[in-house]
Amino acid sequence: MTEKKAVELLMSQDKIVIISTHDPTLALMADKRIVIKNGGIYKIIETSVNERKILNKLEGIDEYLETLRNNLRNGQKING
């Protein structure tokens, strides 16, 4: 199970999910993000409608990159 699927599963069951990540896709899945700076909470950001649109684009990019990686691992040629 991927991290994304695990988070989706927990969120679908109305669980509180706290993740420490540098992955923008996982971060944008959240309703809110806590920004840590100098060891403390710097700010809390609510995910906007525009950020949700960006998340959709990021997911498409991630899928494309995963396909490229799998093709390379399977010895296939990569065409642009």
C-alpha atoms as a PDB file:
ATOM      1  CA  MET A   1       0.000   0.000   0.000  1.00  0.00           C
ATOM      2  CA  THR A   2       1.352   3.398  -0.927  1.00  0.00           C
ATOM      3  CA  GLU A   3       1.525   6.255   1.537  1.00  0.00           C
ATOM      4  CA  LYS A   4      -1.213   8.050  -0.402  1.00  0.00           C
ATOM      5  CA  LYS A   5      -3.573   5.079  -0.225  1.00  0.00           C
ATOM      6  CA  ALA A   6      -2.886   4.644   3.487  1.00  0.00           C
ATOM      7  CA  VAL A   7      -3.722   8.297   4.159  1.00  0.00           C
ATOM      8  CA  GLU A   8      -6.865   8.084   2.003  1.00  0.00           C
ATOM      9  CA  LEU A   9      -7.986   4.995   3.936  1.00  0.00           C
ATOM     10  CA  LEU A  10      -7.505   6.666   7.324  1.00  0.00           C
ATOM     11  CA  MET A  11      -9.207   9.874   6.180  1.00  0.00           C
ATOM     12  CA  SER A  12     -12.180   7.930   4.805  1.00  0.00           C
ATOM     13  CA  GLN A  13     -12.696   6.456   8.281  1.00  0.00           C
ATOM     14  CA  ASP A  14     -12.830   9.912   9.886  1.00  0.00           C
ATOM     15  CA  LYS A  15      -9.470   9.410  11.593  1.00  0.00           C
ATOM     16  CA  ILE A  16      -7.201  12.256  12.601  1.00  0.00           C
ATOM     17  CA  VAL A  17      -4.042  11.844  10.539  1.00  0.00           C
ATOM     18  CA  ILE A  18      -0.788  13.589  11.451  1.00  0.00           C
ATOM     19  CA  ILE A  19       2.090  13.192   9.000  1.00  0.00           C
ATOM     20  CA  SER A  20       5.551  14.698   8.952  1.00  0.00           C
ATOM     21  CA  THR A  21       6.507  14.958   5.292  1.00  0.00           C
ATOM     22  CA  HIS A  22       8.368  16.894   2.639  1.00  0.00           C
ATOM     23  CA  ASP A  23       6.181  15.264  -0.032  1.00  0.00           C
ATOM     24  CA  PRO A  24       3.982  18.000  -1.536  1.00  0.00           C
ATOM     25  CA  THR A  25       1.381  15.480  -2.702  1.00  0.00           C
ATOM     26  CA  LEU A  26       0.835  14.116   0.802  1.00  0.00           C
ATOM     27  CA  ALA A  27       0.920  17.594   2.321  1.00  0.00           C
ATOM     28  CA  LEU A  28      -1.743  18.921  -0.055  1.00  0.00           C
ATOM     29  CA  MET A  29      -4.060  15.990   0.697  1.00  0.00           C
ATOM     30  CA  ALA A  30      -4.589  17.420   4.175  1.00  0.00           C
ATOM     31  CA  ASP A  31      -7.267  19.935   5.090  1.00  0.00           C
ATOM     32  CA  LYS A  32      -4.659  21.794   7.148  1.00  0.00           C
ATOM     33  CA  ARG A  33      -0.872  21.904   7.242  1.00  0.00           C
ATOM     34  CA  ILE A  34       1.206  22.780  10.277  1.00  0.00           C
ATOM     35  CA  VAL A  35       4.429  24.535   9.326  1.00  0.00           C
ATOM     36  CA  ILE A  36       7.285  23.885  11.761  1.00  0.00           C
ATOM     37  CA  LYS A  37      10.106  26.426  11.961  1.00  0.00           C
ATOM     38  CA  ASN A  38      12.929  26.654  14.495  1.00  0.00           C
ATOM     39  CA  GLY A  39      11.459  23.779  16.493  1.00  0.00           C
ATOM     40  CA  GLY A  40       7.971  25.202  16.913  1.00  0.00           C
ATOM     41  CA  ILE A  41       4.691  25.764  15.136  1.00  0.00           C
ATOM     42  CA  TYR A  42       5.242  28.670  12.747  1.00  0.00           C
ATOM     43  CA  LYS A  43       1.798  28.721  11.142  1.00  0.00           C
ATOM     44  CA  ILE A  44      -1.219  26.642  10.224  1.00  0.00           C
ATOM     45  CA  ILE A  45      -2.365  26.745   6.600  1.00  0.00           C
ATOM     46  CA  GLU A  46      -5.756  25.582   5.361  1.00  0.00           C
ATOM     47  CA  THR A  47      -5.550  23.897   1.967  1.00  0.00           C
ATOM     48  CA  SER A  48      -7.205  26.149  -0.619  1.00  0.00           C
ATOM     49  CA  VAL A  49      -9.308  25.271  -3.654  1.00  0.00           C
ATOM     50  CA  ASN A  50      -6.397  26.326  -5.875  1.00  0.00           C
ATOM     51  CA  GLU A  51      -4.036  24.021  -3.976  1.00  0.00           C
ATOM     52  CA  ARG A  52      -6.484  21.139  -4.531  1.00  0.00           C
ATOM     53  CA  LYS A  53      -6.241  21.825  -8.277  1.00  0.00           C
ATOM     54  CA  ILE A  54      -2.460  21.797  -8.007  1.00  0.00           C
ATOM     55  CA  LEU A  55      -2.697  18.494  -6.111  1.00  0.00           C
ATOM     56  CA  ASN A  56      -4.541  16.979  -9.080  1.00  0.00           C
ATOM     57  CA  LYS A  57      -1.717  18.098 -11.393  1.00  0.00           C
ATOM     58  CA  LEU A  58       0.925  16.728  -9.009  1.00  0.00           C
ATOM     59  CA  GLU A  59      -0.832  13.366  -8.888  1.00  0.00           C
ATOM     60  CA  GLY A  60      -0.745  13.226 -12.687  1.00  0.00           C
ATOM     61  CA  ILE A  61       2.967  14.040 -12.690  1.00  0.00           C
ATOM     62  CA  ASP A  62       3.602  11.365 -10.030  1.00  0.00           C
ATOM     63  CA  GLU A  63       1.752   8.764 -12.120  1.00  0.00           C
ATOM     64  CA  TYR A  64       3.776   9.710 -15.201  1.00  0.00           C
ATOM     65  CA  LEU A  65       7.065   9.450 -13.291  1.00  0.00           C
ATOM     66  CA  GLU A  66       6.059   6.101 -11.803  1.00  0.00           C
ATOM     67  CA  THR A  67       5.314   4.785 -15.298  1.00  0.00           C
ATOM     68  CA  LEU A  68       8.717   5.987 -16.528  1.00  0.00           C
ATOM     69  CA  ARG A  69      10.477   4.341 -13.578  1.00  0.00           C
ATOM     70  CA  ASN A  70       8.668   1.056 -14.120  1.00  0.00           C
ATOM     71  CA  ASN A  71       9.433   1.087 -17.842  1.00  0.00           C
ATOM     72  CA  LEU A  72      13.124   1.708 -17.126  1.00  0.00           C
ATOM     73  CA  ARG A  73      13.210  -1.061 -14.515  1.00  0.00           C
ATOM     74  CA  ASN A  74      11.648  -3.434 -17.034  1.00  0.00           C
ATOM     75  CA  GLY A  75      14.300  -2.641 -19.635  1.00  0.00           C
ATOM     76  CA  GLN A  76      12.025  -0.698 -21.930  1.00  0.00           C
ATOM     77  CA  LYS A  77      13.046   2.280 -24.038  1.00  0.00           C
ATOM     78  CA  ILE A  78      11.747   5.661 -23.026  1.00  0.00           C
ATOM     79  CA  ASN A  79      10.172   7.788 -25.734  1.00  0.00           C
ATOM     80  CA  GLY A  80       9.473  11.490 -25.197  1.00  0.00           C
END
